[in-house]
Amino acid sequence: MGAGEHLERLRSGEAAQRVFGEPYDRPDGATVIPVARVIGGRHPRATPLGVFVVHNGKASWTPAVDGSRMALLGGLIGLVSAGLATAAVLRRPPWPDISIQKITKH
């Protein structure tokens, strides 16, 4: 893949929606480059994706974690599991069957 193909991919593809922030240096000598995704046309909104950390000539990617989204997902999973457990208990209760038999004398 040549340089022209890389540039075309950056212009037309998903990478065109990414925004790289201003790099800054940390005291330990590492350079941090923030990355965000821009969504929307008229009223754009940036969502953080993570950071590139360049230290001793090696680059590493550290993704951003959205704690509120994880909490929402955990709550939804809990509600779904509670609903499934309730449906299972109502369909077949965990207690033994009780039956009444009428005894007739001959």
PDB file of N, CA and C in Angstrom:
ATOM      1  N   MET A   1       0.848  -1.167   0.000  1.00  0.00           N
ATOM      2  CA  MET A   1       0.000   0.000   0.000  1.00  0.00           C
ATOM      3  C   MET A   1       0.898   1.236   0.000  1.00  0.00           C
ATOM      4  N   GLY A   2       0.693   2.120  -0.964  1.00  0.00           N
ATOM      5  CA  GLY A   2       1.532   3.300  -1.089  1.00  0.00           C
ATOM      6  C   GLY A   2       1.032   4.465  -0.255  1.00  0.00           C
ATOM      7  N   ALA A   3       1.800   5.549  -0.283  1.00  0.00           N
ATOM      8  CA  ALA A   3       1.445   6.731   0.503  1.00  0.00           C
ATOM      9  C   ALA A   3       0.143   7.342   0.012  1.00  0.00           C
ATOM     10  N   GLY A   4      -0.096   7.317  -1.291  1.00  0.00           N
ATOM     11  CA  GLY A   4      -1.335   7.866  -1.854  1.00  0.00           C
ATOM     12  C   GLY A   4      -2.560   7.126  -1.355  1.00  0.00           C
ATOM     13  N   GLU A   5      -2.453   5.803  -1.275  1.00  0.00           N
ATOM     14  CA  GLU A   5      -3.575   5.008  -0.778  1.00  0.00           C
ATOM     15  C   GLU A   5      -3.846   5.302   0.693  1.00  0.00           C
ATOM     16  N   HIS A   6      -2.788   5.490   1.484  1.00  0.00           N
ATOM     17  CA  HIS A   6      -2.962   5.828   2.896  1.00  0.00           C
ATOM     18  C   HIS A   6      -3.673   7.172   3.050  1.00  0.00           C
ATOM     19  N   LEU A   7      -3.262   8.154   2.246  1.00  0.00           N
ATOM     20  CA  LEU A   7      -3.904   9.475   2.322  1.00  0.00           C
ATOM     21  C   LEU A   7      -5.361   9.403   1.910  1.00  0.00           C
ATOM     22  N   GLU A   8      -5.652   8.649   0.882  1.00  0.00           N
ATOM     23  CA  GLU A   8      -7.045   8.512   0.441  1.00  0.00           C
ATOM     24  C   GLU A   8      -7.898   7.836   1.512  1.00  0.00           C
ATOM     25  N   ARG A   9      -7.325   6.837   2.163  1.00  0.00           N
ATOM     26  CA  ARG A   9      -8.043   6.150   3.237  1.00  0.00           C
ATOM     27  C   ARG A   9      -8.317   7.090   4.403  1.00  0.00           C
ATOM     28  N   LEU A  10      -7.361   7.969   4.709  1.00  0.00           N
ATOM     29  CA  LEU A  10      -7.556   8.929   5.786  1.00  0.00           C
ATOM     30  C   LEU A  10      -8.622   9.959   5.441  1.00  0.00           C
ATOM     31  N   ARG A  11      -8.687  10.361   4.186  1.00  0.00           N
ATOM     32  CA  ARG A  11      -9.669  11.369   3.784  1.00  0.00           C
ATOM     33  C   ARG A  11     -11.080  10.810   3.768  1.00  0.00           C
ATOM     34  N   SER A  12     -11.256   9.596   3.270  1.00  0.00           N
ATOM     35  CA  SER A  12     -12.602   9.078   3.039  1.00  0.00           C
ATOM     36  C   SER A  12     -13.119   8.161   4.133  1.00  0.00           C
ATOM     37  N   GLY A  13     -12.254   7.581   4.897  1.00  0.00           N
ATOM     38  CA  GLY A  13     -12.684   6.550   5.824  1.00  0.00           C
ATOM     39  C   GLY A  13     -13.032   7.051   7.206  1.00  0.00           C
ATOM     40  N   GLU A  14     -13.050   6.121   8.125  1.00  0.00           N
ATOM     41  CA  GLU A  14     -13.399   6.395   9.510  1.00  0.00           C
ATOM     42  C   GLU A  14     -12.386   7.316  10.179  1.00  0.00           C
ATOM     43  N   ALA A  15     -11.138   7.260   9.725  1.00  0.00           N
ATOM     44  CA  ALA A  15     -10.091   8.069  10.342  1.00  0.00           C
ATOM     45  C   ALA A  15     -10.336   9.560  10.144  1.00  0.00           C
ATOM     46  N   ALA A  16     -11.141   9.938   9.138  1.00  0.00           N
ATOM     47  CA  ALA A  16     -11.422  11.350   8.904  1.00  0.00           C
ATOM     48  C   ALA A  16     -12.248  11.935  10.031  1.00  0.00           C
ATOM     49  N   GLN A  17     -12.904  11.112  10.837  1.00  0.00           N
ATOM     50  CA  GLN A  17     -13.736  11.589  11.935  1.00  0.00           C
ATOM     51  C   GLN A  17     -12.970  11.640  13.241  1.00  0.00           C
ATOM     52  N   ARG A  18     -11.712  11.228  13.244  1.00  0.00           N
ATOM     53  CA  ARG A  18     -10.911  11.264  14.464  1.00  0.00           C
ATOM     54  C   ARG A  18     -10.195  12.598  14.571  1.00  0.00           C
ATOM     55  N   VAL A  19     -10.038  13.054  15.806  1.00  0.00           N
ATOM     56  CA  VAL A  19      -9.347  14.302  16.067  1.00  0.00           C
ATOM     57  C   VAL A  19      -8.208  14.002  17.023  1.00  0.00           C
ATOM     58  N   PHE A  20      -7.003  14.429  16.663  1.00  0.00           N
ATOM     59  CA  PHE A  20      -5.844  14.258  17.521  1.00  0.00           C
ATOM     60  C   PHE A  20      -5.576  15.577  18.220  1.00  0.00           C
ATOM     61  N   GLY A  21      -5.469  15.534  19.533  1.00  0.00           N
ATOM     62  CA  GLY A  21      -5.229  16.736  20.306  1.00  0.00           C
ATOM     63  C   GLY A  21      -3.773  17.170  20.277  1.00  0.00           C
ATOM     64  N   GLU A  22      -3.515  18.268  20.947  1.00  0.00           N
ATOM     65  CA  GLU A  22      -2.158  18.810  21.036  1.00  0.00           C
ATOM     66  C   GLU A  22      -1.305  17.887  21.915  1.00  0.00           C
ATOM     67  N   PRO A  23      -0.185  17.372  21.397  1.00  0.00           N
ATOM     68  CA  PRO A  23       0.661  16.502  22.233  1.00  0.00           C
ATOM     69  C   PRO A  23       1.319  17.295  23.362  1.00  0.00           C
ATOM     70  N   TYR A  24       1.472  16.635  24.497  1.00  0.00           N
ATOM     71  CA  TYR A  24       2.160  17.277  25.623  1.00  0.00           C
ATOM     72  C   TYR A  24       3.117  16.275  26.246  1.00  0.00           C
ATOM     73  N   ASP A  25       4.162  16.817  26.882  1.00  0.00           N
ATOM     74  CA  ASP A  25       5.211  15.989  27.484  1.00  0.00           C
ATOM     75  C   ASP A  25       4.971  15.838  28.979  1.00  0.00           C
ATOM     76  N   ARG A  26       5.178  14.625  29.464  1.00  0.00           N
ATOM     77  CA  ARG A  26       5.083  14.351  30.897  1.00  0.00           C
ATOM     78  C   ARG A  26       6.473  14.468  31.504  1.00  0.00           C
ATOM     79  N   PRO A  27       6.551  14.622  32.834  1.00  0.00           N
ATOM     80  CA  PRO A  27       7.862  14.747  33.480  1.00  0.00           C
ATOM     81  C   PRO A  27       8.769  13.526  33.303  1.00  0.00           C
ATOM     82  N   ASP A  28       8.174  12.337  33.071  1.00  0.00           N
ATOM     83  CA  ASP A  28       8.999  11.138  32.911  1.00  0.00           C
ATOM     84  C   ASP A  28       9.549  10.987  31.490  1.00  0.00           C
ATOM     85  N   GLY A  29       9.286  11.960  30.616  1.00  0.00           N
ATOM     86  CA  GLY A  29       9.826  11.931  29.264  1.00  0.00           C
ATOM     87  C   GLY A  29       8.881  11.367  28.223  1.00  0.00           C
ATOM     88  N   ALA A  30       7.690  10.949  28.623  1.00  0.00           N
ATOM     89  CA  ALA A  30       6.721  10.401  27.681  1.00  0.00           C
ATOM     90  C   ALA A  30       5.933  11.539  27.036  1.00  0.00           C
ATOM     91  N   THR A  31       5.522  11.312  25.801  1.00  0.00           N
ATOM     92  CA  THR A  31       4.670  12.255  25.081  1.00  0.00           C
ATOM     93  C   THR A  31       3.281  11.656  24.969  1.00  0.00           C
ATOM     94  N   VAL A  32       2.258  12.423  25.336  1.00  0.00           N
ATOM     95  CA  VAL A  32       0.873  11.954  25.335  1.00  0.00           C
ATOM     96  C   VAL A  32       0.113  12.698  24.241  1.00  0.00           C
ATOM     97  N   ILE A  33      -0.597  11.933  23.379  1.00  0.00           N
ATOM     98  CA  ILE A  33      -1.392  12.510  22.296  1.00  0.00           C
ATOM     99  C   ILE A  33      -2.841  12.059  22.492  1.00  0.00           C
ATOM    100  N   PRO A  34      -3.760  12.948  22.905  1.00  0.00           N
ATOM    101  CA  PRO A  34      -5.164  12.563  23.071  1.00  0.00           C
ATOM    102  C   PRO A  34      -5.867  12.380  21.727  1.00  0.00           C
ATOM    103  N   VAL A  35      -6.819  11.437  21.689  1.00  0.00           N
ATOM    104  CA  VAL A  35      -7.570  11.141  20.473  1.00  0.00           C
ATOM    105  C   VAL A  35      -9.056  11.154  20.809  1.00  0.00           C
ATOM    106  N   ALA A  36      -9.850  11.812  19.961  1.00  0.00           N
ATOM    107  CA  ALA A  36     -11.297  11.867  20.143  1.00  0.00           C
ATOM    108  C   ALA A  36     -11.975  11.575  18.809  1.00  0.00           C
ATOM    109  N   ARG A  37     -13.267  11.249  18.870  1.00  0.00           N
ATOM    110  CA  ARG A  37     -14.061  11.024  17.668  1.00  0.00           C
ATOM    111  C   ARG A  37     -15.104  12.131  17.592  1.00  0.00           C
ATOM    112  N   VAL A  38     -15.249  12.732  16.431  1.00  0.00           N
ATOM    113  CA  VAL A  38     -16.226  13.799  16.240  1.00  0.00           C
ATOM    114  C   VAL A  38     -17.465  13.202  15.599  1.00  0.00           C
ATOM    115  N   ILE A  39     -18.633  13.456  16.211  1.00  0.00           N
ATOM    116  CA  ILE A  39     -19.906  12.931  15.735  1.00  0.00           C
ATOM    117  C   ILE A  39     -20.823  14.115  15.472  1.00  0.00           C
ATOM    118  N   GLY A  40     -21.540  14.069  14.366  1.00  0.00           N
ATOM    119  CA  GLY A  40     -22.510  15.110  14.061  1.00  0.00           C
ATOM    120  C   GLY A  40     -22.002  16.060  13.007  1.00  0.00           C
ATOM    121  N   GLY A  41     -22.935  16.731  12.353  1.00  0.00           N
ATOM    122  CA  GLY A  41     -22.568  17.657  11.305  1.00  0.00           C
ATOM    123  C   GLY A  41     -22.770  19.098  11.720  1.00  0.00           C
ATOM    124  N   ARG A  42     -23.994  19.465  12.034  1.00  0.00           N
ATOM    125  CA  ARG A  42     -24.300  20.848  12.377  1.00  0.00           C
ATOM    126  C   ARG A  42     -23.841  21.200  13.784  1.00  0.00           C
ATOM    127  N   HIS A  43     -24.080  20.301  14.723  1.00  0.00           N
ATOM    128  CA  HIS A  43     -23.653  20.490  16.108  1.00  0.00           C
ATOM    129  C   HIS A  43     -22.712  19.344  16.480  1.00  0.00           C
ATOM    130  N   PRO A  44     -21.455  19.458  16.096  1.00  0.00           N
ATOM    131  CA  PRO A  44     -20.529  18.341  16.343  1.00  0.00           C
ATOM    132  C   PRO A  44     -20.268  18.135  17.834  1.00  0.00           C
ATOM    133  N   ARG A  45     -20.042  16.891  18.181  1.00  0.00           N
ATOM    134  CA  ARG A  45     -19.746  16.513  19.567  1.00  0.00           C
ATOM    135  C   ARG A  45     -18.546  15.592  19.550  1.00  0.00           C
ATOM    136  N   ALA A  46     -17.607  15.846  20.439  1.00  0.00           N
ATOM    137  CA  ALA A  46     -16.392  15.031  20.504  1.00  0.00           C
ATOM    138  C   ALA A  46     -16.502  14.041  21.652  1.00  0.00           C
ATOM    139  N   THR A  47     -16.189  12.780  21.373  1.00  0.00           N
ATOM    140  CA  THR A  47     -16.176  11.720  22.376  1.00  0.00           C
ATOM    141  C   THR A  47     -14.747  11.227  22.509  1.00  0.00           C
ATOM    142  N   PRO A  48     -14.178  11.232  23.726  1.00  0.00           N
ATOM    143  CA  PRO A  48     -12.793  10.769  23.863  1.00  0.00           C
ATOM    144  C   PRO A  48     -12.671   9.279  23.582  1.00  0.00           C
ATOM    145  N   LEU A  49     -11.644   8.902  22.829  1.00  0.00           N
ATOM    146  CA  LEU A  49     -11.363   7.502  22.530  1.00  0.00           C
ATOM    147  C   LEU A  49     -10.221   6.958  23.374  1.00  0.00           C
ATOM    148  N   GLY A  50      -9.218   7.792  23.641  1.00  0.00           N
ATOM    149  CA  GLY A  50      -8.063   7.349  24.419  1.00  0.00           C
ATOM    150  C   GLY A  50      -6.866   8.224  24.132  1.00  0.00           C
ATOM    151  N   VAL A  51      -5.682   7.717  24.462  1.00  0.00           N
ATOM    152  CA  VAL A  51      -4.446   8.465  24.235  1.00  0.00           C
ATOM    153  C   VAL A  51      -3.371   7.536  23.685  1.00  0.00           C
ATOM    154  N   PHE A  52      -2.513   8.109  22.853  1.00  0.00           N
ATOM    155  CA  PHE A  52      -1.281   7.456  22.448  1.00  0.00           C
ATOM    156  C   PHE A  52      -0.200   7.949  23.392  1.00  0.00           C
ATOM    157  N   VAL A  53       0.586   7.034  23.937  1.00  0.00           N
ATOM    158  CA  VAL A  53       1.704   7.401  24.805  1.00  0.00           C
ATOM    159  C   VAL A  53       2.977   6.936  24.114  1.00  0.00           C
ATOM    160  N   VAL A  54       3.877   7.877  23.841  1.00  0.00           N
ATOM    161  CA  VAL A  54       5.161   7.568  23.206  1.00  0.00           C
ATOM    162  C   VAL A  54       6.238   7.737  24.268  1.00  0.00           C
ATOM    163  N   HIS A  55       6.910   6.608  24.603  1.00  0.00           N
ATOM    164  CA  HIS A  55       7.929   6.623  25.654  1.00  0.00           C
ATOM    165  C   HIS A  55       9.094   5.740  25.215  1.00  0.00           C
ATOM    166  N   ASN A  56      10.284   6.279  25.226  1.00  0.00           N
ATOM    167  CA  ASN A  56      11.506   5.563  24.815  1.00  0.00           C
ATOM    168  C   ASN A  56      11.394   5.013  23.394  1.00  0.00           C
ATOM    169  N   GLY A  57      10.762   5.765  22.500  1.00  0.00           N
ATOM    170  CA  GLY A  57      10.660   5.360  21.109  1.00  0.00           C
ATOM    171  C   GLY A  57       9.588   4.335  20.832  1.00  0.00           C
ATOM    172  N   LYS A  58       8.804   3.933  21.814  1.00  0.00           N
ATOM    173  CA  LYS A  58       7.729   2.955  21.632  1.00  0.00           C
ATOM    174  C   LYS A  58       6.394   3.636  21.907  1.00  0.00           C
ATOM    175  N   ALA A  59       5.431   3.378  21.034  1.00  0.00           N
ATOM    176  CA  ALA A  59       4.090   3.950  21.185  1.00  0.00           C
ATOM    177  C   ALA A  59       3.145   2.892  21.733  1.00  0.00           C
ATOM    178  N   SER A  60       2.268   3.319  22.630  1.00  0.00           N
ATOM    179  CA  SER A  60       1.235   2.413  23.154  1.00  0.00           C
ATOM    180  C   SER A  60      -0.093   3.154  23.169  1.00  0.00           C
ATOM    181  N   TRP A  61      -1.169   2.400  23.059  1.00  0.00           N
ATOM    182  CA  TRP A  61      -2.526   2.945  23.038  1.00  0.00           C
ATOM    183  C   TRP A  61      -3.197   2.640  24.370  1.00  0.00           C
ATOM    184  N   THR A  62      -3.782   3.657  24.991  1.00  0.00           N
ATOM    185  CA  THR A  62      -4.544   3.485  26.221  1.00  0.00           C
ATOM    186  C   THR A  62      -5.958   3.984  25.964  1.00  0.00           C
ATOM    187  N   PRO A  63      -6.966   3.079  25.914  1.00  0.00           N
ATOM    188  CA  PRO A  63      -8.330   3.511  25.611  1.00  0.00           C
ATOM    189  C   PRO A  63      -8.960   4.260  26.785  1.00  0.00           C
ATOM    190  N   ALA A  64      -9.871   5.166  26.457  1.00  0.00           N
ATOM    191  CA  ALA A  64     -10.635   5.883  27.477  1.00  0.00           C
ATOM    192  C   ALA A  64     -11.799   4.995  27.912  1.00  0.00           C
ATOM    193  N   VAL A  65     -12.080   4.957  29.201  1.00  0.00           N
ATOM    194  CA  VAL A  65     -13.156   4.136  29.738  1.00  0.00           C
ATOM    195  C   VAL A  65     -14.249   5.069  30.251  1.00  0.00           C
ATOM    196  N   ASP A  66     -15.469   4.858  29.766  1.00  0.00           N
ATOM    197  CA  ASP A  66     -16.609   5.665  30.191  1.00  0.00           C
ATOM    198  C   ASP A  66     -17.312   4.935  31.329  1.00  0.00           C
ATOM    199  N   GLY A  67     -17.090   5.402  32.560  1.00  0.00           N
ATOM    200  CA  GLY A  67     -17.653   4.740  33.735  1.00  0.00           C
ATOM    201  C   GLY A  67     -19.164   4.781  33.774  1.00  0.00           C
ATOM    202  N   SER A  68     -19.772   5.862  33.315  1.00  0.00           N
ATOM    203  CA  SER A  68     -21.233   5.948  33.350  1.00  0.00           C
ATOM    204  C   SER A  68     -21.865   4.953  32.380  1.00  0.00           C
ATOM    205  N   ARG A  69     -21.239   4.738  31.232  1.00  0.00           N
ATOM    206  CA  ARG A  69     -21.769   3.759  30.281  1.00  0.00           C
ATOM    207  C   ARG A  69     -21.649   2.340  30.841  1.00  0.00           C
ATOM    208  N   MET A  70     -20.542   2.071  31.535  1.00  0.00           N
ATOM    209  CA  MET A  70     -20.369   0.745  32.142  1.00  0.00           C
ATOM    210  C   MET A  70     -21.393   0.530  33.256  1.00  0.00           C
ATOM    211  N   ALA A  71     -21.675   1.567  34.059  1.00  0.00           N
ATOM    212  CA  ALA A  71     -22.668   1.449  35.122  1.00  0.00           C
ATOM    213  C   ALA A  71     -24.061   1.227  34.538  1.00  0.00           C
ATOM    214  N   LEU A  72     -24.390   1.923  33.469  1.00  0.00           N
ATOM    215  CA  LEU A  72     -25.684   1.739  32.811  1.00  0.00           C
ATOM    216  C   LEU A  72     -25.814   0.321  32.270  1.00  0.00           C
ATOM    217  N   LEU A  73     -24.757  -0.184  31.660  1.00  0.00           N
ATOM    218  CA  LEU A  73     -24.778  -1.546  31.134  1.00  0.00           C
ATOM    219  C   LEU A  73     -24.951  -2.556  32.258  1.00  0.00           C
ATOM    220  N   GLY A  74     -24.259  -2.353  33.384  1.00  0.00           N
ATOM    221  CA  GLY A  74     -24.416  -3.255  34.530  1.00  0.00           C
ATOM    222  C   GLY A  74     -25.830  -3.239  35.081  1.00  0.00           C
ATOM    223  N   GLY A  75     -26.435  -2.048  35.163  1.00  0.00           N
ATOM    224  CA  GLY A  75     -27.814  -1.950  35.634  1.00  0.00           C
ATOM    225  C   GLY A  75     -28.788  -2.650  34.704  1.00  0.00           C
ATOM    226  N   LEU A  76     -28.594  -2.490  33.390  1.00  0.00           N
ATOM    227  CA  LEU A  76     -29.477  -3.151  32.435  1.00  0.00           C
ATOM    228  C   LEU A  76     -29.345  -4.669  32.499  1.00  0.00           C
ATOM    229  N   ILE A  77     -28.116  -5.145  32.647  1.00  0.00           N
ATOM    230  CA  ILE A  77     -27.914  -6.595  32.764  1.00  0.00           C
ATOM    231  C   ILE A  77     -28.595  -7.122  34.025  1.00  0.00           C
ATOM    232  N   GLY A  78     -28.504  -6.372  35.124  1.00  0.00           N
ATOM    233  CA  GLY A  78     -29.174  -6.773  36.362  1.00  0.00           C
ATOM    234  C   GLY A  78     -30.684  -6.821  36.208  1.00  0.00           C
ATOM    235  N   LEU A  79     -31.265  -5.822  35.539  1.00  0.00           N
ATOM    236  CA  LEU A  79     -32.719  -5.815  35.334  1.00  0.00           C
ATOM    237  C   LEU A  79     -33.172  -6.974  34.451  1.00  0.00           C
ATOM    238  N   VAL A  80     -32.423  -7.250  33.410  1.00  0.00           N
ATOM    239  CA  VAL A  80     -32.788  -8.361  32.523  1.00  0.00           C
ATOM    240  C   VAL A  80     -32.697  -9.686  33.265  1.00  0.00           C
ATOM    241  N   SER A  81     -31.638  -9.877  34.054  1.00  0.00           N
ATOM    242  CA  SER A  81     -31.504 -11.146  34.791  1.00  0.00           C
ATOM    243  C   SER A  81     -32.603 -11.277  35.845  1.00  0.00           C
ATOM    244  N   ALA A  82     -32.972 -10.172  36.505  1.00  0.00           N
ATOM    245  CA  ALA A  82     -34.072 -10.240  37.484  1.00  0.00           C
ATOM    246  C   ALA A  82     -35.386 -10.576  36.787  1.00  0.00           C
ATOM    247  N   GLY A  83     -35.620 -10.015  35.629  1.00  0.00           N
ATOM    248  CA  GLY A  83     -36.845 -10.332  34.881  1.00  0.00           C
ATOM    249  C   GLY A  83     -36.886 -11.777  34.426  1.00  0.00           C
ATOM    250  N   LEU A  84     -35.763 -12.304  33.958  1.00  0.00           N
ATOM    251  CA  LEU A  84     -35.727 -13.714  33.550  1.00  0.00           C
ATOM    252  C   LEU A  84     -35.918 -14.649  34.739  1.00  0.00           C
ATOM    253  N   ALA A  85     -35.323 -14.304  35.886  1.00  0.00           N
ATOM    254  CA  ALA A  85     -35.489 -15.138  37.079  1.00  0.00           C
ATOM    255  C   ALA A  85     -36.939 -15.118  37.551  1.00  0.00           C
ATOM    256  N   THR A  86     -37.574 -13.956  37.499  1.00  0.00           N
ATOM    257  CA  THR A  86     -38.985 -13.856  37.890  1.00  0.00           C
ATOM    258  C   THR A  86     -39.863 -14.683  36.964  1.00  0.00           C
ATOM    259  N   ALA A  87     -39.606 -14.607  35.667  1.00  0.00           N
ATOM    260  CA  ALA A  87     -40.391 -15.392  34.711  1.00  0.00           C
ATOM    261  C   ALA A  87     -40.197 -16.888  34.945  1.00  0.00           C
ATOM    262  N   ALA A  88     -38.997 -17.304  35.284  1.00  0.00           N
ATOM    263  CA  ALA A  88     -38.742 -18.723  35.534  1.00  0.00           C
ATOM    264  C   ALA A  88     -39.460 -19.199  36.785  1.00  0.00           C
ATOM    265  N   VAL A  89     -39.487 -18.376  37.823  1.00  0.00           N
ATOM    266  CA  VAL A  89     -40.156 -18.766  39.072  1.00  0.00           C
ATOM    267  C   VAL A  89     -41.662 -18.801  38.878  1.00  0.00           C
ATOM    268  N   LEU A  90     -42.221 -17.873  38.146  1.00  0.00           N
ATOM    269  CA  LEU A  90     -43.666 -17.867  37.921  1.00  0.00           C
ATOM    270  C   LEU A  90     -44.103 -19.025  37.042  1.00  0.00           C
ATOM    271  N   ARG A  91     -43.259 -19.414  36.120  1.00  0.00           N
ATOM    272  CA  ARG A  91     -43.610 -20.539  35.246  1.00  0.00           C
ATOM    273  C   ARG A  91     -43.517 -21.861  35.999  1.00  0.00           C
ATOM    274  N   ARG A  92     -42.509 -22.040  36.786  1.00  0.00           N
ATOM    275  CA  ARG A  92     -42.321 -23.278  37.556  1.00  0.00           C
ATOM    276  C   ARG A  92     -41.749 -22.890  38.913  1.00  0.00           C
ATOM    277  N   PRO A  93     -42.592 -22.796  39.962  1.00  0.00           N
ATOM    278  CA  PRO A  93     -42.108 -22.374  41.277  1.00  0.00           C
ATOM    279  C   PRO A  93     -41.073 -23.350  41.836  1.00  0.00           C
ATOM    280  N   PRO A  94     -40.159 -22.864  42.683  1.00  0.00           N
ATOM    281  CA  PRO A  94     -39.118 -23.728  43.231  1.00  0.00           C
ATOM    282  C   PRO A  94     -39.599 -24.639  44.348  1.00  0.00           C
ATOM    283  N   TRP A  95     -40.808 -24.426  44.880  1.00  0.00           N
ATOM    284  CA  TRP A  95     -41.307 -25.284  45.949  1.00  0.00           C
ATOM    285  C   TRP A  95     -41.981 -26.518  45.354  1.00  0.00           C
ATOM    286  N   PRO A  96     -42.117 -27.575  46.149  1.00  0.00           N
ATOM    287  CA  PRO A  96     -42.692 -28.826  45.614  1.00  0.00           C
ATOM    288  C   PRO A  96     -44.184 -28.674  45.307  1.00  0.00           C
ATOM    289  N   ASP A  97     -44.626 -29.541  44.399  1.00  0.00           N
ATOM    290  CA  ASP A  97     -46.040 -29.533  44.037  1.00  0.00           C
ATOM    291  C   ASP A  97     -46.874 -30.049  45.201  1.00  0.00           C
ATOM    292  N   ILE A  98     -48.005 -29.413  45.420  1.00  0.00           N
ATOM    293  CA  ILE A  98     -48.941 -29.861  46.467  1.00  0.00           C
ATOM    294  C   ILE A  98     -50.220 -30.251  45.754  1.00  0.00           C
ATOM    295  N   SER A  99     -50.637 -31.459  46.028  1.00  0.00           N
ATOM    296  CA  SER A  99     -51.874 -31.910  45.399  1.00  0.00           C
ATOM    297  C   SER A  99     -52.815 -32.434  46.482  1.00  0.00           C
ATOM    298  N   ILE A 100     -54.070 -32.242  46.256  1.00  0.00           N
ATOM    299  CA  ILE A 100     -55.093 -32.701  47.202  1.00  0.00           C
ATOM    300  C   ILE A 100     -55.832 -33.851  46.534  1.00  0.00           C
ATOM    301  N   GLN A 101     -55.891 -34.965  47.290  1.00  0.00           N
ATOM    302  CA  GLN A 101     -56.586 -36.122  46.769  1.00  0.00           C
ATOM    303  C   GLN A 101     -57.830 -36.374  47.621  1.00  0.00           C
ATOM    304  N   LYS A 102     -58.891 -36.634  46.960  1.00  0.00           N
ATOM    305  CA  LYS A 102     -60.137 -36.914  47.652  1.00  0.00           C
ATOM    306  C   LYS A 102     -60.225 -38.438  47.842  1.00  0.00           C
ATOM    307  N   ILE A 103     -60.426 -38.843  49.098  1.00  0.00           N
ATOM    308  CA  ILE A 103     -60.498 -40.262  49.411  1.00  0.00           C
ATOM    309  C   ILE A 103     -61.984 -40.624  49.565  1.00  0.00           C
ATOM    310  N   THR A 104     -62.385 -41.587  48.796  1.00  0.00           N
ATOM    311  CA  THR A 104     -63.789 -42.028  48.884  1.00  0.00           C
ATOM    312  C   THR A 104     -63.803 -43.438  49.459  1.00  0.00           C
ATOM    313  N   LYS A 105     -64.826 -43.702  50.271  1.00  0.00           N
ATOM    314  CA  LYS A 105     -65.004 -45.047  50.843  1.00  0.00           C
ATOM    315  C   LYS A 105     -65.970 -45.840  49.982  1.00  0.00           C
ATOM    316  N   HIS A 106     -65.648 -47.109  49.800  1.00  0.00           N
ATOM    317  CA  HIS A 106     -66.526 -47.980  49.013  1.00  0.00           C
ATOM    318  C   HIS A 106     -67.401 -48.775  49.843  1.00  0.00           C
TER     319      HIS A 106
END
